[in-house]
């Protein structure tokens, strides 16, 4: 866990922000009110919406298939993200100055866990869709036990990624490695975190592009026997969905890192 052997550990969060040159003030500014005013209802909506998704998957037996379990886990990750962002909203802006080093790392750990769980789960869904489409199946043949193991693995990876900075990969005892974006994180960790997410992103894009190319090729081969406009619209919807999901995640991750 966090080392308490260096003098900087006893400093306030303001000390690290000041050292890295990131502006922070105890005064409330317009954008601080906007962040809190919009953040709270949005987080509450995310929490409620994903609770309903999880409840629907649990109650409806028609959803008791691997893909829906993964979608349910994605909803759980988004639910956790909503809780994490709600915590962030109440510990950002002028409130950041009053945080201790431990509290700042706890805030960061929640965000890291939620983002990692979402990204890894998106990758798992992409791979599952790839397998079902290329084997011409409606649902994956993956057993419930394997799905459960996959879900557990996703959360273990998320927990590890969230705790890595707390366990020592930070700049508390080496201020020269601090990053302006997240003043208590070392630049090497943020680069590592960003590269992992970019890798997951590009793998997902590659998987969906492969699916898109395959579906287009199949549609051309079967065009005399199917409703081509309808099929093309389905393909376009697939690509739009991918763009919205992946683009939204990347944008959200960048915005969170700037807090």
C-alpha atoms as a PDB file:
ATOM      1  CA  UNK A   1       0.000   0.000   0.000  1.00  0.00           C
ATOM      2  CA  UNK A   2       1.000   3.670   0.183  1.00  0.00           C
ATOM      3  CA  UNK A   3       4.457   4.222   1.580  1.00  0.00           C
ATOM      4  CA  UNK A   4       4.656   6.568   4.572  1.00  0.00           C
ATOM      5  CA  UNK A   5       8.471   6.775   4.637  1.00  0.00           C
ATOM      6  CA  UNK A   6       8.842  10.026   2.614  1.00  0.00           C
ATOM      7  CA  UNK A   7       8.057  13.509   3.869  1.00  0.00           C
ATOM      8  CA  UNK A   8       5.787  14.340   0.928  1.00  0.00           C
ATOM      9  CA  UNK A   9       3.281  11.735   2.148  1.00  0.00           C
ATOM     10  CA  UNK A  10       2.218  14.097   4.958  1.00  0.00           C
ATOM     11  CA  UNK A  11       1.675  17.012   2.592  1.00  0.00           C
ATOM     12  CA  UNK A  12      -1.754  18.157   1.445  1.00  0.00           C
ATOM     13  CA  UNK A  13      -3.087  17.447  -2.029  1.00  0.00           C
ATOM     14  CA  UNK A  14      -2.656  21.166  -2.761  1.00  0.00           C
ATOM     15  CA  UNK A  15       1.109  20.693  -2.328  1.00  0.00           C
ATOM     16  CA  UNK A  16       1.241  18.232  -5.258  1.00  0.00           C
ATOM     17  CA  UNK A  17      -1.038  20.352  -7.447  1.00  0.00           C
ATOM     18  CA  UNK A  18       1.156  23.372  -6.767  1.00  0.00           C
ATOM     19  CA  UNK A  19       4.336  21.414  -7.562  1.00  0.00           C
ATOM     20  CA  UNK A  20       3.021  20.281 -10.946  1.00  0.00           C
ATOM     21  CA  UNK A  21       1.569  23.680 -11.817  1.00  0.00           C
ATOM     22  CA  UNK A  22      -2.037  22.501 -12.051  1.00  0.00           C
ATOM     23  CA  UNK A  23      -4.365  25.331 -10.942  1.00  0.00           C
ATOM     24  CA  UNK A  24      -6.526  24.586  -7.926  1.00  0.00           C
ATOM     25  CA  UNK A  25      -8.443  27.042  -5.775  1.00  0.00           C
ATOM     26  CA  UNK A  26     -10.790  26.928  -2.746  1.00  0.00           C
ATOM     27  CA  UNK A  27     -13.096  29.393  -4.499  1.00  0.00           C
ATOM     28  CA  UNK A  28     -16.122  28.193  -6.412  1.00  0.00           C
ATOM     29  CA  UNK A  29     -16.073  29.104 -10.089  1.00  0.00           C
ATOM     30  CA  UNK A  30     -18.827  28.893 -12.683  1.00  0.00           C
ATOM     31  CA  UNK A  31     -17.624  25.619 -14.197  1.00  0.00           C
ATOM     32  CA  UNK A  32     -17.450  24.066 -10.694  1.00  0.00           C
ATOM     33  CA  UNK A  33     -21.153  24.765 -10.183  1.00  0.00           C
ATOM     34  CA  UNK A  34     -21.866  23.382 -13.667  1.00  0.00           C
ATOM     35  CA  UNK A  35     -19.910  20.179 -12.956  1.00  0.00           C
ATOM     36  CA  UNK A  36     -21.718  19.555  -9.674  1.00  0.00           C
ATOM     37  CA  UNK A  37     -25.124  20.720 -10.928  1.00  0.00           C
ATOM     38  CA  UNK A  38     -25.054  18.497 -14.009  1.00  0.00           C
ATOM     39  CA  UNK A  39     -22.942  15.687 -12.545  1.00  0.00           C
ATOM     40  CA  UNK A  40     -25.295  14.697  -9.723  1.00  0.00           C
ATOM     41  CA  UNK A  41     -28.472  14.135 -11.820  1.00  0.00           C
ATOM     42  CA  UNK A  42     -26.495  12.438 -14.606  1.00  0.00           C
ATOM     43  CA  UNK A  43     -24.836  10.054 -12.140  1.00  0.00           C
ATOM     44  CA  UNK A  44     -28.161   9.281 -10.480  1.00  0.00           C
ATOM     45  CA  UNK A  45     -29.706   8.585 -13.895  1.00  0.00           C
ATOM     46  CA  UNK A  46     -26.818   6.245 -14.807  1.00  0.00           C
ATOM     47  CA  UNK A  47     -27.191   4.391 -11.516  1.00  0.00           C
ATOM     48  CA  UNK A  48     -30.967   3.998 -11.850  1.00  0.00           C
ATOM     49  CA  UNK A  49     -30.870   3.030 -15.543  1.00  0.00           C
ATOM     50  CA  UNK A  50     -28.274   0.325 -15.033  1.00  0.00           C
ATOM     51  CA  UNK A  51     -30.064  -1.041 -11.973  1.00  0.00           C
ATOM     52  CA  UNK A  52     -33.130  -1.497 -14.194  1.00  0.00           C
ATOM     53  CA  UNK A  53     -31.026  -3.249 -16.884  1.00  0.00           C
ATOM     54  CA  UNK A  54     -29.545  -5.645 -14.339  1.00  0.00           C
ATOM     55  CA  UNK A  55     -32.976  -6.331 -12.833  1.00  0.00           C
ATOM     56  CA  UNK A  56     -34.452  -7.019 -16.300  1.00  0.00           C
ATOM     57  CA  UNK A  57     -31.693  -9.513 -17.133  1.00  0.00           C
ATOM     58  CA  UNK A  58     -32.100 -11.304 -13.810  1.00  0.00           C
ATOM     59  CA  UNK A  59     -35.903 -11.504 -13.989  1.00  0.00           C
ATOM     60  CA  UNK A  60     -36.377 -12.353 -17.686  1.00  0.00           C
ATOM     61  CA  UNK A  61     -35.342 -15.926 -18.483  1.00  0.00           C
ATOM     62  CA  UNK A  62     -35.065 -15.063 -22.184  1.00  0.00           C
ATOM     63  CA  UNK A  63     -31.943 -13.092 -21.256  1.00  0.00           C
ATOM     64  CA  UNK A  64     -30.200 -16.003 -19.529  1.00  0.00           C
ATOM     65  CA  UNK A  65     -27.526 -16.419 -22.195  1.00  0.00           C
ATOM     66  CA  UNK A  66     -23.785 -15.578 -22.176  1.00  0.00           C
ATOM     67  CA  UNK A  67     -24.108 -12.366 -24.205  1.00  0.00           C
ATOM     68  CA  UNK A  68     -26.766 -11.036 -21.831  1.00  0.00           C
ATOM     69  CA  UNK A  69     -24.674 -11.979 -18.805  1.00  0.00           C
ATOM     70  CA  UNK A  70     -21.835  -9.940 -20.312  1.00  0.00           C
ATOM     71  CA  UNK A  71     -24.220  -7.074 -21.044  1.00  0.00           C
ATOM     72  CA  UNK A  72     -25.460  -7.355 -17.475  1.00  0.00           C
ATOM     73  CA  UNK A  73     -21.880  -7.178 -16.260  1.00  0.00           C
ATOM     74  CA  UNK A  74     -21.369  -4.123 -18.461  1.00  0.00           C
ATOM     75  CA  UNK A  75     -24.406  -2.578 -16.785  1.00  0.00           C
ATOM     76  CA  UNK A  76     -22.854  -3.458 -13.414  1.00  0.00           C
ATOM     77  CA  UNK A  77     -19.616  -1.753 -14.494  1.00  0.00           C
ATOM     78  CA  UNK A  78     -21.594   1.319 -15.570  1.00  0.00           C
ATOM     79  CA  UNK A  79     -23.506   1.225 -12.276  1.00  0.00           C
ATOM     80  CA  UNK A  80     -20.204   1.169 -10.420  1.00  0.00           C
ATOM     81  CA  UNK A  81     -18.984   3.971 -12.691  1.00  0.00           C
ATOM     82  CA  UNK A  82     -22.049   6.041 -11.797  1.00  0.00           C
ATOM     83  CA  UNK A  83     -21.302   5.574  -8.102  1.00  0.00           C
ATOM     84  CA  UNK A  84     -17.614   6.378  -8.663  1.00  0.00           C
ATOM     85  CA  UNK A  85     -18.392   9.546 -10.628  1.00  0.00           C
ATOM     86  CA  UNK A  86     -20.912  10.610  -8.002  1.00  0.00           C
ATOM     87  CA  UNK A  87     -18.160  10.271  -5.398  1.00  0.00           C
ATOM     88  CA  UNK A  88     -15.865  12.228  -7.735  1.00  0.00           C
ATOM     89  CA  UNK A  89     -18.428  15.024  -8.117  1.00  0.00           C
ATOM     90  CA  UNK A  90     -18.489  15.508  -4.339  1.00  0.00           C
ATOM     91  CA  UNK A  91     -14.672  15.451  -4.160  1.00  0.00           C
ATOM     92  CA  UNK A  92     -13.695  17.651  -7.105  1.00  0.00           C
ATOM     93  CA  UNK A  93     -13.181  21.366  -7.721  1.00  0.00           C
ATOM     94  CA  UNK A  94     -12.684  23.354  -4.483  1.00  0.00           C
ATOM     95  CA  UNK A  95     -13.342  20.201  -2.435  1.00  0.00           C
ATOM     96  CA  UNK A  96     -10.152  18.650  -3.852  1.00  0.00           C
ATOM     97  CA  UNK A  97      -7.968  20.854  -1.629  1.00  0.00           C
ATOM     98  CA  UNK A  98      -9.381  19.290   1.534  1.00  0.00           C
ATOM     99  CA  UNK A  99      -8.573  15.722   0.422  1.00  0.00           C
ATOM    100  CA  UNK A 100      -5.810  13.763   2.089  1.00  0.00           C
ATOM    101  CA  UNK A 101      -3.378  11.740  -0.023  1.00  0.00           C
ATOM    102  CA  UNK A 102      -5.256   8.538   0.867  1.00  0.00           C
ATOM    103  CA  UNK A 103      -8.611  10.060  -0.058  1.00  0.00           C
ATOM    104  CA  UNK A 104      -7.229  11.302  -3.379  1.00  0.00           C
ATOM    105  CA  UNK A 105      -5.903   7.841  -4.221  1.00  0.00           C
ATOM    106  CA  UNK A 106      -9.210   6.258  -3.166  1.00  0.00           C
ATOM    107  CA  UNK A 107     -11.025   8.599  -5.552  1.00  0.00           C
ATOM    108  CA  UNK A 108      -8.618   7.674  -8.329  1.00  0.00           C
ATOM    109  CA  UNK A 109      -8.894   3.955  -7.587  1.00  0.00           C
ATOM    110  CA  UNK A 110     -12.685   4.039  -7.997  1.00  0.00           C
ATOM    111  CA  UNK A 111     -12.389   5.759 -11.374  1.00  0.00           C
ATOM    112  CA  UNK A 112      -9.634   3.417 -12.576  1.00  0.00           C
ATOM    113  CA  UNK A 113     -11.627   0.338 -11.569  1.00  0.00           C
ATOM    114  CA  UNK A 114     -14.837   1.506 -13.238  1.00  0.00           C
ATOM    115  CA  UNK A 115     -13.144   2.527 -16.493  1.00  0.00           C
ATOM    116  CA  UNK A 116     -11.057  -0.656 -16.659  1.00  0.00           C
ATOM    117  CA  UNK A 117     -14.080  -2.865 -15.957  1.00  0.00           C
ATOM    118  CA  UNK A 118     -16.055  -1.111 -18.712  1.00  0.00           C
ATOM    119  CA  UNK A 119     -13.275  -1.306 -21.311  1.00  0.00           C
ATOM    120  CA  UNK A 120     -12.402  -4.957 -20.623  1.00  0.00           C
ATOM    121  CA  UNK A 121     -16.085  -5.885 -20.651  1.00  0.00           C
ATOM    122  CA  UNK A 122     -16.556  -4.115 -23.996  1.00  0.00           C
ATOM    123  CA  UNK A 123     -13.673  -6.144 -25.365  1.00  0.00           C
ATOM    124  CA  UNK A 124     -15.241  -9.366 -24.042  1.00  0.00           C
ATOM    125  CA  UNK A 125     -18.574  -8.493 -25.703  1.00  0.00           C
ATOM    126  CA  UNK A 126     -16.814  -7.760 -29.001  1.00  0.00           C
ATOM    127  CA  UNK A 127     -15.018 -11.118 -28.937  1.00  0.00           C
ATOM    128  CA  UNK A 128     -18.255 -12.936 -28.026  1.00  0.00           C
ATOM    129  CA  UNK A 129     -20.140 -11.272 -30.903  1.00  0.00           C
ATOM    130  CA  UNK A 130     -17.296 -12.146 -33.261  1.00  0.00           C
ATOM    131  CA  UNK A 131     -17.462 -15.805 -32.267  1.00  0.00           C
ATOM    132  CA  UNK A 132     -21.250 -16.095 -32.592  1.00  0.00           C
ATOM    133  CA  UNK A 133     -21.403 -14.334 -35.966  1.00  0.00           C
ATOM    134  CA  UNK A 134     -18.602 -16.362 -37.526  1.00  0.00           C
ATOM    135  CA  UNK A 135     -20.055 -19.635 -36.254  1.00  0.00           C
ATOM    136  CA  UNK A 136     -23.528 -18.611 -37.464  1.00  0.00           C
ATOM    137  CA  UNK A 137     -25.087 -18.997 -34.017  1.00  0.00           C
ATOM    138  CA  UNK A 138     -27.758 -16.931 -32.316  1.00  0.00           C
ATOM    139  CA  UNK A 139     -26.095 -17.337 -28.912  1.00  0.00           C
ATOM    140  CA  UNK A 140     -22.611 -18.260 -27.793  1.00  0.00           C
ATOM    141  CA  UNK A 141     -21.914 -21.854 -26.784  1.00  0.00           C
ATOM    142  CA  UNK A 142     -19.932 -20.573 -23.807  1.00  0.00           C
ATOM    143  CA  UNK A 143     -21.080 -22.267 -20.589  1.00  0.00           C
ATOM    144  CA  UNK A 144     -22.394 -20.334 -17.614  1.00  0.00           C
ATOM    145  CA  UNK A 145     -19.342 -21.398 -15.618  1.00  0.00           C
ATOM    146  CA  UNK A 146     -16.965 -19.952 -18.212  1.00  0.00           C
ATOM    147  CA  UNK A 147     -18.980 -16.743 -18.384  1.00  0.00           C
ATOM    148  CA  UNK A 148     -18.813 -16.464 -14.591  1.00  0.00           C
ATOM    149  CA  UNK A 149     -15.050 -17.017 -14.656  1.00  0.00           C
ATOM    150  CA  UNK A 150     -14.721 -14.362 -17.375  1.00  0.00           C
ATOM    151  CA  UNK A 151     -16.736 -11.865 -15.340  1.00  0.00           C
ATOM    152  CA  UNK A 152     -14.652 -12.567 -12.224  1.00  0.00           C
ATOM    153  CA  UNK A 153     -11.472 -12.098 -14.281  1.00  0.00           C
ATOM    154  CA  UNK A 154     -12.750  -8.758 -15.605  1.00  0.00           C
ATOM    155  CA  UNK A 155     -13.289  -7.449 -12.088  1.00  0.00           C
ATOM    156  CA  UNK A 156      -9.972  -8.814 -10.824  1.00  0.00           C
ATOM    157  CA  UNK A 157      -8.180  -6.947 -13.611  1.00  0.00           C
ATOM    158  CA  UNK A 158     -10.182  -3.806 -12.768  1.00  0.00           C
ATOM    159  CA  UNK A 159      -9.335  -4.053  -9.057  1.00  0.00           C
ATOM    160  CA  UNK A 160      -5.631  -4.581  -9.744  1.00  0.00           C
ATOM    161  CA  UNK A 161      -5.509  -1.605 -12.129  1.00  0.00           C
ATOM    162  CA  UNK A 162      -7.289   0.526  -9.547  1.00  0.00           C
ATOM    163  CA  UNK A 163      -4.919  -0.394  -6.725  1.00  0.00           C
ATOM    164  CA  UNK A 164      -1.613  -0.267  -8.646  1.00  0.00           C
ATOM    165  CA  UNK A 165      -1.018   3.471  -7.961  1.00  0.00           C
ATOM    166  CA  UNK A 166      -1.952   3.007  -4.303  1.00  0.00           C
ATOM    167  CA  UNK A 167       0.465   0.115  -3.974  1.00  0.00           C
ATOM    168  CA  UNK A 168       3.435   2.245  -4.981  1.00  0.00           C
ATOM    169  CA  UNK A 169       3.343   3.218  -8.657  1.00  0.00           C
ATOM    170  CA  UNK A 170       2.924   6.921  -7.891  1.00  0.00           C
ATOM    171  CA  UNK A 171       5.036  10.049  -7.500  1.00  0.00           C
ATOM    172  CA  UNK A 172       4.462  10.779  -3.815  1.00  0.00           C
ATOM    173  CA  UNK A 173       8.117  10.093  -3.009  1.00  0.00           C
ATOM    174  CA  UNK A 174       9.524  11.228  -6.369  1.00  0.00           C
ATOM    175  CA  UNK A 175       7.966  14.555  -7.312  1.00  0.00           C
ATOM    176  CA  UNK A 176      10.003  14.800 -10.519  1.00  0.00           C
ATOM    177  CA  UNK A 177       7.839  12.049 -12.050  1.00  0.00           C
ATOM    178  CA  UNK A 178       4.492  13.673 -11.202  1.00  0.00           C
ATOM    179  CA  UNK A 179       2.066  14.380 -14.030  1.00  0.00           C
ATOM    180  CA  UNK A 180       0.061  17.582 -14.477  1.00  0.00           C
ATOM    181  CA  UNK A 181      -3.074  15.678 -15.524  1.00  0.00           C
ATOM    182  CA  UNK A 182      -3.168  13.679 -12.270  1.00  0.00           C
ATOM    183  CA  UNK A 183      -0.651  15.328  -9.884  1.00  0.00           C
ATOM    184  CA  UNK A 184      -0.154  12.319  -7.578  1.00  0.00           C
ATOM    185  CA  UNK A 185       0.264   9.783 -10.380  1.00  0.00           C
ATOM    186  CA  UNK A 186       3.588   9.168 -12.059  1.00  0.00           C
ATOM    187  CA  UNK A 187       3.831   9.828 -15.783  1.00  0.00           C
ATOM    188  CA  UNK A 188       4.971   6.249 -16.396  1.00  0.00           C
ATOM    189  CA  UNK A 189       1.780   4.824 -14.863  1.00  0.00           C
ATOM    190  CA  UNK A 190      -0.485   7.134 -16.872  1.00  0.00           C
ATOM    191  CA  UNK A 191       1.376   6.216 -20.073  1.00  0.00           C
ATOM    192  CA  UNK A 192       1.021   2.520 -19.188  1.00  0.00           C
ATOM    193  CA  UNK A 193      -2.695   2.968 -18.394  1.00  0.00           C
ATOM    194  CA  UNK A 194      -3.299   4.912 -21.602  1.00  0.00           C
ATOM    195  CA  UNK A 195      -1.459   2.366 -23.766  1.00  0.00           C
ATOM    196  CA  UNK A 196      -3.457  -0.516 -22.290  1.00  0.00           C
ATOM    197  CA  UNK A 197      -6.730   1.253 -23.008  1.00  0.00           C
ATOM    198  CA  UNK A 198      -5.599   2.173 -26.515  1.00  0.00           C
ATOM    199  CA  UNK A 199      -4.615  -1.451 -27.114  1.00  0.00           C
ATOM    200  CA  UNK A 200      -8.046  -2.639 -25.961  1.00  0.00           C
ATOM    201  CA  UNK A 201      -9.668   0.038 -28.132  1.00  0.00           C
ATOM    202  CA  UNK A 202      -7.773  -0.943 -31.282  1.00  0.00           C
ATOM    203  CA  UNK A 203      -8.468  -4.641 -30.684  1.00  0.00           C
ATOM    204  CA  UNK A 204     -12.195  -3.856 -30.411  1.00  0.00           C
ATOM    205  CA  UNK A 205     -12.076  -1.767 -33.575  1.00  0.00           C
ATOM    206  CA  UNK A 206     -10.248  -4.575 -35.395  1.00  0.00           C
ATOM    207  CA  UNK A 207     -12.829  -7.128 -34.224  1.00  0.00           C
ATOM    208  CA  UNK A 208     -15.796  -5.004 -35.315  1.00  0.00           C
ATOM    209  CA  UNK A 209     -14.158  -4.157 -38.640  1.00  0.00           C
ATOM    210  CA  UNK A 210     -13.617  -7.868 -39.227  1.00  0.00           C
ATOM    211  CA  UNK A 211     -17.296  -8.480 -38.432  1.00  0.00           C
ATOM    212  CA  UNK A 212     -18.314  -5.629 -40.737  1.00  0.00           C
ATOM    213  CA  UNK A 213     -16.212  -6.940 -43.641  1.00  0.00           C
ATOM    214  CA  UNK A 214     -17.533 -10.475 -43.130  1.00  0.00           C
ATOM    215  CA  UNK A 215     -21.157  -9.346 -43.004  1.00  0.00           C
ATOM    216  CA  UNK A 216     -20.719  -7.177 -46.094  1.00  0.00           C
ATOM    217  CA  UNK A 217     -19.147 -10.048 -48.007  1.00  0.00           C
ATOM    218  CA  UNK A 218     -21.923 -12.427 -46.974  1.00  0.00           C
ATOM    219  CA  UNK A 219     -24.585  -9.889 -47.906  1.00  0.00           C
ATOM    220  CA  UNK A 220     -23.085  -9.498 -51.388  1.00  0.00           C
ATOM    221  CA  UNK A 221     -23.064 -13.262 -51.845  1.00  0.00           C
ATOM    222  CA  UNK A 222     -26.680 -13.592 -50.701  1.00  0.00           C
ATOM    223  CA  UNK A 223     -28.022 -10.319 -52.143  1.00  0.00           C
ATOM    224  CA  UNK A 224     -30.431 -12.026 -54.598  1.00  0.00           C
ATOM    225  CA  UNK A 225     -32.159 -13.778 -51.695  1.00  0.00           C
ATOM    226  CA  UNK A 226     -32.384 -11.114 -49.006  1.00  0.00           C
ATOM    227  CA  UNK A 227     -33.704  -7.624 -48.491  1.00  0.00           C
ATOM    228  CA  UNK A 228     -30.501  -5.714 -49.253  1.00  0.00           C
ATOM    229  CA  UNK A 229     -31.568  -2.224 -48.001  1.00  0.00           C
ATOM    230  CA  UNK A 230     -32.702  -3.700 -44.694  1.00  0.00           C
ATOM    231  CA  UNK A 231     -29.491  -5.682 -44.310  1.00  0.00           C
ATOM    232  CA  UNK A 232     -27.345  -2.651 -45.130  1.00  0.00           C
ATOM    233  CA  UNK A 233     -29.215  -0.639 -42.517  1.00  0.00           C
ATOM    234  CA  UNK A 234     -28.410  -3.324 -39.952  1.00  0.00           C
ATOM    235  CA  UNK A 235     -24.717  -3.134 -40.797  1.00  0.00           C
ATOM    236  CA  UNK A 236     -24.736   0.664 -40.581  1.00  0.00           C
ATOM    237  CA  UNK A 237     -26.476   0.474 -37.197  1.00  0.00           C
ATOM    238  CA  UNK A 238     -23.788  -1.927 -35.977  1.00  0.00           C
ATOM    239  CA  UNK A 239     -21.005   0.496 -36.928  1.00  0.00           C
ATOM    240  CA  UNK A 240     -22.854   3.474 -35.428  1.00  0.00           C
ATOM    241  CA  UNK A 241     -23.305   1.597 -32.168  1.00  0.00           C
ATOM    242  CA  UNK A 242     -19.611   0.711 -32.065  1.00  0.00           C
ATOM    243  CA  UNK A 243     -18.602   4.338 -32.714  1.00  0.00           C
ATOM    244  CA  UNK A 244     -20.922   5.723 -30.052  1.00  0.00           C
ATOM    245  CA  UNK A 245     -19.858   3.212 -27.390  1.00  0.00           C
ATOM    246  CA  UNK A 246     -16.113   3.359 -28.013  1.00  0.00           C
ATOM    247  CA  UNK A 247     -16.008   7.081 -28.695  1.00  0.00           C
ATOM    248  CA  UNK A 248     -18.075   7.831 -25.615  1.00  0.00           C
ATOM    249  CA  UNK A 249     -15.805   5.730 -23.392  1.00  0.00           C
ATOM    250  CA  UNK A 250     -12.637   7.407 -24.646  1.00  0.00           C
ATOM    251  CA  UNK A 251     -14.136  10.890 -24.247  1.00  0.00           C
ATOM    252  CA  UNK A 252     -15.346  10.083 -20.741  1.00  0.00           C
ATOM    253  CA  UNK A 253     -11.949   8.701 -19.735  1.00  0.00           C
ATOM    254  CA  UNK A 254     -10.194  11.884 -20.896  1.00  0.00           C
ATOM    255  CA  UNK A 255     -12.652  14.130 -19.065  1.00  0.00           C
ATOM    256  CA  UNK A 256     -12.319  12.167 -15.825  1.00  0.00           C
ATOM    257  CA  UNK A 257      -8.521  12.296 -15.991  1.00  0.00           C
ATOM    258  CA  UNK A 258      -8.664  16.087 -16.153  1.00  0.00           C
ATOM    259  CA  UNK A 259     -10.382  16.375 -12.777  1.00  0.00           C
END
